[in-house]
Amino acid sequence: MAAADTHTNFTATVLEAVDAYIAVHDHTTQQMIDRIVTENAGLLARLRDA
């Protein structure tokens, strides 16, 4: 197996695991994402206006 194939398979496995986790914890994950976006909105606005 080539190194690239190993990397691709590993990446696919990780992405599948992340997708499975999000499917189970979707509400909590969405709340975390919303909080991060909200907390960073002011920073993004300041960076945009700088």
Protein backbone atom coordinates (compact mmCIF):
# COMPACT_ATOMS: atom_id res chain seq x y z
CA MET A 1 0.00 0.00 0.00
CA ALA A 2 1.39 3.37 -0.96
CA ALA A 3 1.85 6.08 1.65
CA ALA A 4 -0.70 8.27 -0.13
CA ASP A 5 -3.28 5.47 0.06
CA THR A 6 -2.59 5.03 3.77
CA HIS A 7 -3.03 8.77 4.32
CA THR A 8 -6.25 8.82 2.29
CA ASN A 9 -7.67 5.85 4.20
CA PHE A 10 -6.69 7.39 7.54
CA THR A 11 -8.27 10.72 6.57
CA ALA A 12 -11.47 8.99 5.44
CA THR A 13 -11.61 7.05 8.72
CA VAL A 14 -11.15 10.22 10.77
CA LEU A 15 -13.81 12.06 8.77
CA GLU A 16 -16.23 9.16 9.20
CA ALA A 17 -15.60 9.20 12.96
CA VAL A 18 -16.17 12.97 13.10
CA ASP A 19 -19.37 12.63 11.08
CA ALA A 20 -20.60 9.89 13.41
CA TYR A 21 -19.79 11.98 16.48
CA ILE A 22 -21.60 15.02 15.07
CA ALA A 23 -24.62 12.89 14.15
CA VAL A 24 -24.91 11.75 17.78
CA HIS A 25 -24.05 15.10 19.37
CA ASP A 26 -25.46 17.41 16.71
CA HIS A 27 -27.37 19.72 19.04
CA THR A 28 -24.42 20.17 21.40
CA THR A 29 -22.00 20.58 18.51
CA GLN A 30 -24.22 23.18 16.88
CA GLN A 31 -24.44 25.11 20.15
CA MET A 32 -20.63 25.12 20.42
CA ILE A 33 -20.27 26.32 16.84
CA ASP A 34 -22.89 29.04 17.40
CA ARG A 35 -21.08 30.20 20.56
CA ILE A 36 -17.71 30.32 18.78
CA VAL A 37 -19.19 32.26 15.86
CA THR A 38 -20.95 34.69 18.21
CA GLU A 39 -17.86 35.22 20.36
CA ASN A 40 -15.68 35.81 17.31
CA ALA A 41 -18.11 38.03 15.40
CA GLY A 42 -16.76 41.19 17.06
CA LEU A 43 -13.17 40.16 16.39
CA LEU A 44 -13.93 39.44 12.74
CA ALA A 45 -15.64 42.82 12.37
CA ARG A 46 -12.63 44.59 13.91
CA LEU A 47 -10.22 42.73 11.64
CA ARG A 48 -12.35 43.54 8.59
CA ASP A 49 -12.46 47.23 9.51
CA ALA A 50 -8.75 47.47 10.35
